[in-house]
Amino acid sequence: MKKLLAWAVIICALIFGGYYVASPYYTLYQLKNAVEKHDTATLVDAVDFVSVKASIKDQLKTRLATELPDTNDEFALLGAAFATVMIDGLIDAVVSPKSMELLIQGKDITQDLSLAKLQDSMTNRAATNTSSSIADELEYHPSYQTLNTFSIDIKKPSANQPLTVIMQRYGLFTWKIVDVRLPME
């Protein structure tokens, strides 16, 4: 009887441990299915939009600061300050469940960031490209960074750098996207 109980405990521990380790891969599978089915409710539940927006704002502001020439031109500095303020509003408008769906599909939403074109662009791109063909040509490279942090590099064959999606564990088996690292080519 003791051997049976010991085996039952071992089997339960292995099942628990296996699911604990496999849970981010299952979340990635669910995200891919949600993108293919245009299930925005699943995407909304899987993304911490406050964290993602803050991360993208920081990335774009850093890139803007590094690309500014060293000059004492006050108009250039004024333009940079204005651009920094515009980034906040633009990212708040752009980062949405629909844009996250496009990013996971490997589509580039940074090509046309004018607010008027953005909605039309997202609608047209989603309508003209089938999600399954896009998902087939993308390369996904999932990996653990830490026990509670998981990254997914999403790379198009034509791109030099991948888009990196960072997920963080919430509870035992739930994962949320907390960071999106844009390829800065």
N, C-alpha and C. Protein backbone atom coordinates (compact mmCIF):
# COMPACT_ATOMS: atom_id res chain seq x y z
N MET A 1 0.82 -1.20 0.00
CA MET A 1 0.00 0.00 0.00
C MET A 1 0.86 1.26 0.00
N LYS A 2 1.97 1.20 0.75
CA LYS A 2 2.85 2.37 0.80
C LYS A 2 3.50 2.62 -0.56
N LYS A 3 3.84 1.54 -1.27
CA LYS A 3 4.44 1.70 -2.59
C LYS A 3 3.45 2.33 -3.55
N LEU A 4 2.21 1.92 -3.49
CA LEU A 4 1.17 2.48 -4.36
C LEU A 4 0.98 3.97 -4.08
N LEU A 5 0.95 4.33 -2.81
CA LEU A 5 0.81 5.74 -2.43
C LEU A 5 2.03 6.54 -2.89
N ALA A 6 3.21 5.97 -2.73
CA ALA A 6 4.43 6.66 -3.16
C ALA A 6 4.42 6.88 -4.68
N TRP A 7 4.01 5.86 -5.43
CA TRP A 7 3.93 6.00 -6.88
C TRP A 7 2.87 7.03 -7.28
N ALA A 8 1.77 7.05 -6.58
CA ALA A 8 0.72 8.03 -6.88
C ALA A 8 1.22 9.45 -6.64
N VAL A 9 1.96 9.65 -5.55
CA VAL A 9 2.52 10.97 -5.26
C VAL A 9 3.54 11.36 -6.33
N ILE A 10 4.38 10.42 -6.73
CA ILE A 10 5.39 10.70 -7.76
C ILE A 10 4.73 11.05 -9.09
N ILE A 11 3.72 10.29 -9.46
CA ILE A 11 3.02 10.55 -10.72
C ILE A 11 2.33 11.91 -10.68
N CYS A 12 1.69 12.23 -9.57
CA CYS A 12 1.04 13.55 -9.43
C CYS A 12 2.07 14.68 -9.50
N ALA A 13 3.21 14.49 -8.86
CA ALA A 13 4.26 15.51 -8.89
C ALA A 13 4.81 15.69 -10.30
N LEU A 14 4.97 14.60 -11.04
CA LEU A 14 5.45 14.69 -12.42
C LEU A 14 4.44 15.40 -13.32
N ILE A 15 3.17 15.09 -13.14
CA ILE A 15 2.13 15.76 -13.93
C ILE A 15 2.09 17.25 -13.61
N PHE A 16 2.12 17.58 -12.33
CA PHE A 16 2.13 18.98 -11.91
C PHE A 16 3.36 19.70 -12.46
N GLY A 17 4.53 19.10 -12.29
CA GLY A 17 5.77 19.72 -12.78
C GLY A 17 5.78 19.87 -14.29
N GLY A 18 5.28 18.86 -14.98
CA GLY A 18 5.23 18.94 -16.44
C GLY A 18 4.33 20.06 -16.91
N TYR A 19 3.17 20.19 -16.30
CA TYR A 19 2.26 21.26 -16.69
C TYR A 19 2.83 22.62 -16.30
N TYR A 20 3.50 22.68 -15.17
CA TYR A 20 4.11 23.93 -14.71
C TYR A 20 5.15 24.40 -15.72
N VAL A 21 5.96 23.49 -16.22
CA VAL A 21 7.00 23.83 -17.19
C VAL A 21 6.40 24.08 -18.58
N ALA A 22 5.37 23.34 -18.95
CA ALA A 22 4.79 23.46 -20.28
C ALA A 22 3.76 24.58 -20.41
N SER A 23 3.35 25.19 -19.31
CA SER A 23 2.28 26.19 -19.37
C SER A 23 2.56 27.38 -20.28
N PRO A 24 3.78 27.92 -20.38
CA PRO A 24 3.96 29.03 -21.32
C PRO A 24 3.85 28.59 -22.78
N TYR A 25 4.26 27.36 -23.06
CA TYR A 25 4.12 26.85 -24.42
C TYR A 25 2.64 26.69 -24.77
N TYR A 26 1.85 26.26 -23.81
CA TYR A 26 0.41 26.14 -24.02
C TYR A 26 -0.21 27.53 -24.21
N THR A 27 0.26 28.51 -23.45
CA THR A 27 -0.23 29.88 -23.61
C THR A 27 0.11 30.39 -25.01
N LEU A 28 1.31 30.12 -25.49
CA LEU A 28 1.70 30.51 -26.85
C LEU A 28 0.78 29.85 -27.87
N TYR A 29 0.48 28.59 -27.68
CA TYR A 29 -0.44 27.87 -28.56
C TYR A 29 -1.82 28.55 -28.56
N GLN A 30 -2.30 28.92 -27.37
CA GLN A 30 -3.59 29.60 -27.27
C GLN A 30 -3.55 30.96 -27.97
N LEU A 31 -2.45 31.69 -27.83
CA LEU A 31 -2.32 32.99 -28.49
C LEU A 31 -2.32 32.84 -30.01
N LYS A 32 -1.61 31.85 -30.53
CA LYS A 32 -1.61 31.62 -31.97
C LYS A 32 -3.02 31.31 -32.47
N ASN A 33 -3.74 30.47 -31.73
CA ASN A 33 -5.12 30.15 -32.11
C ASN A 33 -6.01 31.38 -32.04
N ALA A 34 -5.83 32.20 -31.02
CA ALA A 34 -6.63 33.42 -30.88
C ALA A 34 -6.37 34.37 -32.05
N VAL A 35 -5.13 34.46 -32.48
CA VAL A 35 -4.79 35.32 -33.61
C VAL A 35 -5.42 34.79 -34.89
N GLU A 36 -5.33 33.49 -35.10
CA GLU A 36 -5.90 32.89 -36.31
C GLU A 36 -7.41 33.06 -36.35
N LYS A 37 -8.06 33.01 -35.19
CA LYS A 37 -9.52 33.11 -35.13
C LYS A 37 -9.99 34.54 -34.88
N HIS A 38 -9.05 35.48 -34.80
CA HIS A 38 -9.35 36.89 -34.51
C HIS A 38 -10.15 37.01 -33.21
N ASP A 39 -9.74 36.25 -32.21
CA ASP A 39 -10.38 36.24 -30.89
C ASP A 39 -9.72 37.29 -30.00
N THR A 40 -10.23 38.51 -30.07
CA THR A 40 -9.61 39.60 -29.31
C THR A 40 -9.82 39.45 -27.82
N ALA A 41 -10.87 38.78 -27.39
CA ALA A 41 -11.11 38.60 -25.95
C ALA A 41 -9.98 37.80 -25.31
N THR A 42 -9.52 36.77 -25.98
CA THR A 42 -8.40 35.98 -25.46
C THR A 42 -7.13 36.82 -25.42
N LEU A 43 -6.92 37.62 -26.46
CA LEU A 43 -5.73 38.49 -26.49
C LEU A 43 -5.77 39.53 -25.38
N VAL A 44 -6.94 40.11 -25.14
CA VAL A 44 -7.07 41.11 -24.08
C VAL A 44 -6.72 40.50 -22.73
N ASP A 45 -7.16 39.28 -22.50
CA ASP A 45 -6.86 38.60 -21.23
C ASP A 45 -5.38 38.24 -21.10
N ALA A 46 -4.70 38.07 -22.23
CA ALA A 46 -3.31 37.61 -22.19
C ALA A 46 -2.28 38.74 -22.21
N VAL A 47 -2.73 40.00 -22.26
CA VAL A 47 -1.79 41.12 -22.38
C VAL A 47 -2.00 42.10 -21.24
N ASP A 48 -0.90 42.49 -20.61
CA ASP A 48 -0.91 43.58 -19.63
C ASP A 48 -0.59 44.85 -20.41
N PHE A 49 -1.65 45.53 -20.88
CA PHE A 49 -1.47 46.66 -21.78
C PHE A 49 -0.72 47.82 -21.15
N VAL A 50 -0.87 48.03 -19.86
CA VAL A 50 -0.16 49.13 -19.19
C VAL A 50 1.35 48.90 -19.28
N SER A 51 1.79 47.68 -18.99
CA SER A 51 3.22 47.36 -19.06
C SER A 51 3.75 47.42 -20.49
N VAL A 52 2.98 46.89 -21.43
CA VAL A 52 3.41 46.87 -22.83
C VAL A 52 3.54 48.30 -23.36
N LYS A 53 2.55 49.14 -23.06
CA LYS A 53 2.61 50.53 -23.52
C LYS A 53 3.82 51.25 -22.94
N ALA A 54 4.07 51.08 -21.66
CA ALA A 54 5.22 51.73 -21.02
C ALA A 54 6.53 51.26 -21.65
N SER A 55 6.62 49.98 -21.94
CA SER A 55 7.83 49.43 -22.54
C SER A 55 8.08 50.00 -23.94
N ILE A 56 7.04 50.03 -24.75
CA ILE A 56 7.19 50.54 -26.12
C ILE A 56 7.52 52.03 -26.11
N LYS A 57 6.88 52.78 -25.21
CA LYS A 57 7.19 54.21 -25.10
C LYS A 57 8.66 54.42 -24.76
N ASP A 58 9.16 53.67 -23.80
CA ASP A 58 10.57 53.78 -23.41
C ASP A 58 11.50 53.44 -24.57
N GLN A 59 11.17 52.38 -25.32
CA GLN A 59 12.00 51.98 -26.45
C GLN A 59 12.07 53.07 -27.52
N LEU A 60 10.89 53.63 -27.84
CA LEU A 60 10.86 54.65 -28.89
C LEU A 60 11.53 55.95 -28.45
N LYS A 61 11.35 56.32 -27.18
CA LYS A 61 12.01 57.53 -26.68
C LYS A 61 13.53 57.36 -26.65
N THR A 62 13.98 56.18 -26.27
CA THR A 62 15.42 55.90 -26.27
C THR A 62 15.98 55.96 -27.68
N ARG A 63 15.25 55.37 -28.61
CA ARG A 63 15.70 55.39 -30.01
C ARG A 63 15.73 56.82 -30.54
N LEU A 64 14.72 57.61 -30.21
CA LEU A 64 14.68 59.00 -30.64
C LEU A 64 15.87 59.77 -30.07
N ALA A 65 16.17 59.55 -28.81
CA ALA A 65 17.29 60.25 -28.16
C ALA A 65 18.63 59.86 -28.78
N THR A 66 18.79 58.61 -29.16
CA THR A 66 20.06 58.18 -29.74
C THR A 66 20.23 58.64 -31.18
N GLU A 67 19.12 58.87 -31.87
CA GLU A 67 19.21 59.29 -33.27
C GLU A 67 19.31 60.80 -33.44
N LEU A 68 19.11 61.55 -32.36
CA LEU A 68 19.22 63.00 -32.46
C LEU A 68 20.68 63.41 -32.61
N PRO A 69 20.95 64.29 -33.53
CA PRO A 69 22.34 64.76 -33.65
C PRO A 69 22.69 65.66 -32.47
N ASP A 70 23.94 65.64 -32.09
CA ASP A 70 24.41 66.53 -31.03
C ASP A 70 24.51 67.93 -31.60
N THR A 71 23.57 68.76 -31.23
CA THR A 71 23.53 70.11 -31.76
C THR A 71 22.97 71.05 -30.70
N ASN A 72 23.28 72.29 -30.83
CA ASN A 72 22.73 73.30 -29.93
C ASN A 72 21.56 74.01 -30.57
N ASP A 73 21.04 73.46 -31.66
CA ASP A 73 19.91 74.06 -32.35
C ASP A 73 18.65 73.94 -31.49
N GLU A 74 18.13 75.09 -31.08
CA GLU A 74 16.96 75.09 -30.19
C GLU A 74 15.73 74.52 -30.87
N PHE A 75 15.61 74.72 -32.20
CA PHE A 75 14.46 74.18 -32.90
C PHE A 75 14.50 72.65 -32.95
N ALA A 76 15.68 72.09 -33.09
CA ALA A 76 15.82 70.63 -33.07
C ALA A 76 15.46 70.09 -31.70
N LEU A 77 15.88 70.77 -30.65
CA LEU A 77 15.54 70.34 -29.30
C LEU A 77 14.05 70.46 -29.04
N LEU A 78 13.44 71.54 -29.54
CA LEU A 78 12.00 71.73 -29.40
C LEU A 78 11.25 70.63 -30.15
N GLY A 79 11.73 70.32 -31.36
CA GLY A 79 11.12 69.25 -32.14
C GLY A 79 11.23 67.90 -31.44
N ALA A 80 12.36 67.65 -30.83
CA ALA A 80 12.55 66.39 -30.10
C ALA A 80 11.63 66.32 -28.90
N ALA A 81 11.47 67.44 -28.19
CA ALA A 81 10.56 67.46 -27.05
C ALA A 81 9.13 67.23 -27.50
N PHE A 82 8.76 67.84 -28.62
CA PHE A 82 7.41 67.65 -29.16
C PHE A 82 7.20 66.19 -29.58
N ALA A 83 8.21 65.61 -30.22
CA ALA A 83 8.12 64.21 -30.65
C ALA A 83 7.97 63.27 -29.46
N THR A 84 8.66 63.58 -28.37
CA THR A 84 8.56 62.75 -27.17
C THR A 84 7.14 62.78 -26.62
N VAL A 85 6.53 63.95 -26.62
CA VAL A 85 5.14 64.07 -26.14
C VAL A 85 4.21 63.33 -27.09
N MET A 86 4.47 63.41 -28.38
CA MET A 86 3.63 62.74 -29.36
C MET A 86 3.72 61.22 -29.23
N ILE A 87 4.87 60.71 -28.85
CA ILE A 87 5.04 59.26 -28.69
C ILE A 87 4.05 58.73 -27.66
N ASP A 88 3.89 59.44 -26.55
CA ASP A 88 2.97 58.98 -25.50
C ASP A 88 1.56 58.81 -26.04
N GLY A 89 1.05 59.85 -26.69
CA GLY A 89 -0.31 59.78 -27.24
C GLY A 89 -0.45 58.75 -28.34
N LEU A 90 0.57 58.66 -29.17
CA LEU A 90 0.53 57.73 -30.29
C LEU A 90 0.52 56.28 -29.80
N ILE A 91 1.37 55.96 -28.86
CA ILE A 91 1.42 54.59 -28.34
C ILE A 91 0.13 54.24 -27.61
N ASP A 92 -0.42 55.19 -26.86
CA ASP A 92 -1.70 54.94 -26.19
C ASP A 92 -2.79 54.61 -27.21
N ALA A 93 -2.73 55.26 -28.37
CA ALA A 93 -3.73 55.00 -29.41
C ALA A 93 -3.44 53.73 -30.19
N VAL A 94 -2.17 53.42 -30.39
CA VAL A 94 -1.79 52.31 -31.27
C VAL A 94 -1.82 50.96 -30.57
N VAL A 95 -1.36 50.89 -29.33
CA VAL A 95 -1.28 49.60 -28.64
C VAL A 95 -2.68 49.21 -28.18
N SER A 96 -3.23 48.24 -28.88
CA SER A 96 -4.59 47.78 -28.63
C SER A 96 -4.64 46.28 -28.88
N PRO A 97 -5.75 45.64 -28.57
CA PRO A 97 -5.84 44.20 -28.87
C PRO A 97 -5.60 43.90 -30.35
N LYS A 98 -6.12 44.75 -31.23
CA LYS A 98 -5.95 44.51 -32.67
C LYS A 98 -4.48 44.65 -33.08
N SER A 99 -3.79 45.65 -32.54
CA SER A 99 -2.38 45.81 -32.90
C SER A 99 -1.53 44.68 -32.33
N MET A 100 -1.89 44.17 -31.14
CA MET A 100 -1.17 43.03 -30.58
C MET A 100 -1.36 41.80 -31.47
N GLU A 101 -2.56 41.65 -32.01
CA GLU A 101 -2.83 40.55 -32.93
C GLU A 101 -1.93 40.67 -34.16
N LEU A 102 -1.81 41.89 -34.70
CA LEU A 102 -0.96 42.09 -35.87
C LEU A 102 0.51 41.84 -35.55
N LEU A 103 0.97 42.26 -34.36
CA LEU A 103 2.36 42.02 -33.98
C LEU A 103 2.66 40.54 -33.85
N ILE A 104 1.74 39.79 -33.24
CA ILE A 104 1.95 38.35 -33.08
C ILE A 104 1.95 37.65 -34.44
N GLN A 105 1.21 38.23 -35.40
CA GLN A 105 1.21 37.69 -36.75
C GLN A 105 2.48 38.06 -37.50
N GLY A 106 3.32 38.90 -36.90
CA GLY A 106 4.56 39.31 -37.54
C GLY A 106 4.40 40.48 -38.48
N LYS A 107 3.28 41.18 -38.41
CA LYS A 107 3.06 42.32 -39.29
C LYS A 107 3.68 43.57 -38.68
N ASP A 108 4.10 44.47 -39.53
CA ASP A 108 4.78 45.69 -39.10
C ASP A 108 3.77 46.81 -39.02
N ILE A 109 3.43 47.23 -37.81
CA ILE A 109 2.48 48.33 -37.65
C ILE A 109 3.20 49.66 -37.57
N THR A 110 4.51 49.67 -37.60
CA THR A 110 5.23 50.94 -37.49
C THR A 110 5.43 51.62 -38.83
N GLN A 111 5.07 50.96 -39.93
CA GLN A 111 5.27 51.57 -41.24
C GLN A 111 4.39 52.79 -41.43
N ASP A 112 3.16 52.71 -40.99
CA ASP A 112 2.28 53.86 -41.15
C ASP A 112 1.63 54.17 -39.81
N LEU A 113 2.26 55.03 -39.06
CA LEU A 113 1.79 55.36 -37.73
C LEU A 113 0.88 56.58 -37.69
N SER A 114 0.47 57.09 -38.84
CA SER A 114 -0.47 58.20 -38.77
C SER A 114 -1.79 57.63 -38.28
N LEU A 115 -2.41 58.32 -37.37
CA LEU A 115 -3.61 57.80 -36.73
C LEU A 115 -4.75 57.58 -37.72
N ALA A 116 -4.84 58.39 -38.74
CA ALA A 116 -5.91 58.22 -39.71
C ALA A 116 -5.74 56.94 -40.51
N LYS A 117 -4.49 56.62 -40.88
CA LYS A 117 -4.24 55.43 -41.68
C LYS A 117 -4.22 54.16 -40.85
N LEU A 118 -3.99 54.29 -39.56
CA LEU A 118 -3.75 53.11 -38.74
C LEU A 118 -4.94 52.16 -38.73
N GLN A 119 -6.13 52.69 -38.49
CA GLN A 119 -7.31 51.83 -38.42
C GLN A 119 -7.57 51.16 -39.76
N ASP A 120 -7.47 51.94 -40.86
CA ASP A 120 -7.67 51.36 -42.19
C ASP A 120 -6.61 50.30 -42.48
N SER A 121 -5.39 50.58 -42.10
CA SER A 121 -4.29 49.66 -42.35
C SER A 121 -4.51 48.34 -41.62
N MET A 122 -4.90 48.43 -40.35
CA MET A 122 -5.11 47.20 -39.58
C MET A 122 -6.25 46.39 -40.18
N THR A 123 -7.32 47.07 -40.58
CA THR A 123 -8.47 46.37 -41.16
C THR A 123 -8.08 45.73 -42.48
N ASN A 124 -7.39 46.49 -43.33
CA ASN A 124 -7.00 45.97 -44.64
C ASN A 124 -6.01 44.83 -44.53
N ARG A 125 -5.02 44.96 -43.66
CA ARG A 125 -4.02 43.90 -43.52
C ARG A 125 -4.65 42.63 -42.97
N ALA A 126 -5.54 42.77 -42.02
CA ALA A 126 -6.19 41.60 -41.45
C ALA A 126 -7.07 40.92 -42.48
N ALA A 127 -7.68 41.71 -43.36
CA ALA A 127 -8.57 41.14 -44.36
C ALA A 127 -7.81 40.52 -45.52
N THR A 128 -6.68 41.11 -45.92
CA THR A 128 -5.99 40.62 -47.11
C THR A 128 -5.06 39.45 -46.85
N ASN A 129 -4.54 39.33 -45.66
CA ASN A 129 -3.60 38.24 -45.36
C ASN A 129 -4.29 37.18 -44.52
N THR A 130 -4.14 35.94 -44.91
CA THR A 130 -4.69 34.89 -44.08
C THR A 130 -3.71 34.61 -42.96
N SER A 131 -4.24 34.45 -41.78
CA SER A 131 -3.39 34.27 -40.61
C SER A 131 -2.58 32.99 -40.68
N SER A 132 -3.16 31.94 -41.24
CA SER A 132 -2.43 30.68 -41.27
C SER A 132 -1.21 30.75 -42.16
N SER A 133 -1.30 31.44 -43.31
CA SER A 133 -0.12 31.54 -44.17
C SER A 133 0.96 32.39 -43.53
N ILE A 134 0.57 33.42 -42.80
CA ILE A 134 1.54 34.27 -42.11
C ILE A 134 2.20 33.48 -40.99
N ALA A 135 1.40 32.75 -40.24
CA ALA A 135 1.96 31.97 -39.13
C ALA A 135 2.91 30.89 -39.65
N ASP A 136 2.65 30.37 -40.84
CA ASP A 136 3.52 29.35 -41.41
C ASP A 136 4.89 29.90 -41.77
N GLU A 137 4.96 31.15 -42.23
CA GLU A 137 6.25 31.68 -42.66
C GLU A 137 7.04 32.32 -41.52
N LEU A 138 6.44 32.54 -40.37
CA LEU A 138 7.14 33.11 -39.23
C LEU A 138 7.94 32.05 -38.49
N GLU A 139 9.03 32.48 -37.89
CA GLU A 139 9.82 31.59 -37.05
C GLU A 139 9.60 32.01 -35.60
N TYR A 140 9.10 31.09 -34.79
CA TYR A 140 8.88 31.34 -33.37
C TYR A 140 9.98 30.61 -32.59
N HIS A 141 10.65 31.34 -31.71
CA HIS A 141 11.70 30.75 -30.88
C HIS A 141 11.37 31.02 -29.41
N PRO A 142 10.57 30.14 -28.79
CA PRO A 142 10.23 30.33 -27.38
C PRO A 142 11.32 29.80 -26.46
N SER A 143 11.50 30.49 -25.33
CA SER A 143 12.48 30.02 -24.35
C SER A 143 12.23 30.68 -23.00
N TYR A 144 12.60 29.96 -21.96
CA TYR A 144 12.55 30.52 -20.62
C TYR A 144 13.72 31.49 -20.44
N GLN A 145 13.46 32.64 -19.81
CA GLN A 145 14.54 33.52 -19.37
C GLN A 145 14.83 33.25 -17.90
N THR A 146 13.78 33.16 -17.12
CA THR A 146 13.85 32.75 -15.72
C THR A 146 12.68 31.81 -15.49
N LEU A 147 12.53 31.34 -14.27
CA LEU A 147 11.42 30.43 -13.98
C LEU A 147 10.07 31.10 -14.20
N ASN A 148 10.00 32.41 -14.02
CA ASN A 148 8.73 33.14 -14.16
C ASN A 148 8.70 34.10 -15.34
N THR A 149 9.70 34.04 -16.21
CA THR A 149 9.75 34.91 -17.38
C THR A 149 10.04 34.06 -18.61
N PHE A 150 9.26 34.28 -19.65
CA PHE A 150 9.34 33.48 -20.87
C PHE A 150 9.39 34.43 -22.06
N SER A 151 10.26 34.18 -23.00
CA SER A 151 10.34 35.06 -24.17
C SER A 151 10.05 34.27 -25.44
N ILE A 152 9.49 34.98 -26.41
CA ILE A 152 9.21 34.41 -27.71
C ILE A 152 9.78 35.36 -28.76
N ASP A 153 10.77 34.90 -29.50
CA ASP A 153 11.30 35.68 -30.61
C ASP A 153 10.48 35.32 -31.84
N ILE A 154 9.87 36.33 -32.45
CA ILE A 154 9.06 36.12 -33.65
C ILE A 154 9.80 36.79 -34.80
N LYS A 155 10.23 35.98 -35.76
CA LYS A 155 11.07 36.51 -36.84
C LYS A 155 10.48 36.17 -38.19
N LYS A 156 10.38 37.20 -39.01
CA LYS A 156 10.01 37.00 -40.41
C LYS A 156 11.29 36.64 -41.16
N PRO A 157 11.20 35.81 -42.18
CA PRO A 157 12.40 35.46 -42.94
C PRO A 157 13.10 36.69 -43.54
N SER A 158 12.34 37.72 -43.87
CA SER A 158 12.92 38.90 -44.50
C SER A 158 13.52 39.89 -43.49
N ALA A 159 13.29 39.68 -42.20
CA ALA A 159 13.76 40.62 -41.18
C ALA A 159 15.13 40.21 -40.64
N ASN A 160 15.90 41.21 -40.27
CA ASN A 160 17.21 40.94 -39.66
C ASN A 160 17.09 40.64 -38.17
N GLN A 161 16.18 41.33 -37.50
CA GLN A 161 16.02 41.17 -36.06
C GLN A 161 14.61 40.70 -35.74
N PRO A 162 14.46 39.91 -34.69
CA PRO A 162 13.12 39.44 -34.33
C PRO A 162 12.38 40.45 -33.45
N LEU A 163 11.09 40.31 -33.44
CA LEU A 163 10.24 40.97 -32.45
C LEU A 163 10.24 40.03 -31.25
N THR A 164 10.47 40.54 -30.06
CA THR A 164 10.52 39.69 -28.88
C THR A 164 9.35 40.00 -27.97
N VAL A 165 8.59 38.98 -27.65
CA VAL A 165 7.45 39.10 -26.75
C VAL A 165 7.86 38.46 -25.43
N ILE A 166 7.70 39.21 -24.34
CA ILE A 166 8.06 38.71 -23.01
C ILE A 166 6.77 38.44 -22.24
N MET A 167 6.68 37.21 -21.71
CA MET A 167 5.54 36.85 -20.88
C MET A 167 6.03 36.62 -19.45
N GLN A 168 5.15 36.91 -18.51
CA GLN A 168 5.48 36.72 -17.10
C GLN A 168 4.39 35.86 -16.46
N ARG A 169 4.81 35.02 -15.53
CA ARG A 169 3.89 34.11 -14.85
C ARG A 169 3.05 34.88 -13.84
N TYR A 170 1.74 34.64 -13.86
CA TYR A 170 0.81 35.17 -12.87
C TYR A 170 0.15 33.96 -12.22
N GLY A 171 0.46 33.69 -10.98
CA GLY A 171 -0.03 32.49 -10.33
C GLY A 171 0.81 31.29 -10.75
N LEU A 172 0.22 30.11 -10.75
CA LEU A 172 0.97 28.91 -11.09
C LEU A 172 1.06 28.64 -12.59
N PHE A 173 -0.05 28.81 -13.30
CA PHE A 173 -0.10 28.38 -14.68
C PHE A 173 -0.49 29.47 -15.67
N THR A 174 -0.78 30.66 -15.21
CA THR A 174 -1.24 31.74 -16.08
C THR A 174 -0.06 32.62 -16.49
N TRP A 175 -0.04 33.00 -17.76
CA TRP A 175 1.02 33.85 -18.30
C TRP A 175 0.39 35.05 -18.99
N LYS A 176 1.05 36.21 -18.87
CA LYS A 176 0.59 37.43 -19.55
C LYS A 176 1.76 38.07 -20.27
N ILE A 177 1.47 38.69 -21.40
CA ILE A 177 2.47 39.45 -22.13
C ILE A 177 2.68 40.76 -21.39
N VAL A 178 3.91 41.02 -20.96
CA VAL A 178 4.21 42.24 -20.20
C VAL A 178 5.18 43.16 -20.95
N ASP A 179 5.76 42.68 -22.03
CA ASP A 179 6.75 43.49 -22.74
C ASP A 179 6.81 43.03 -24.19
N VAL A 180 6.93 43.99 -25.08
CA VAL A 180 7.16 43.71 -26.49
C VAL A 180 8.38 44.51 -26.90
N ARG A 181 9.43 43.82 -27.29
CA ARG A 181 10.67 44.49 -27.70
C ARG A 181 10.70 44.56 -29.22
N LEU A 182 10.55 45.77 -29.71
CA LEU A 182 10.49 45.99 -31.15
C LEU A 182 11.87 45.85 -31.77
N PRO A 183 11.93 45.31 -32.99
CA PRO A 183 13.22 45.27 -33.68
C PRO A 183 13.59 46.69 -34.10
N MET A 184 14.71 47.16 -33.67
CA MET A 184 15.13 48.53 -33.98
C MET A 184 16.20 48.51 -35.06
N GLU A 185 15.76 48.31 -36.28
CA GLU A 185 16.68 48.23 -37.42
C GLU A 185 16.89 49.59 -38.02
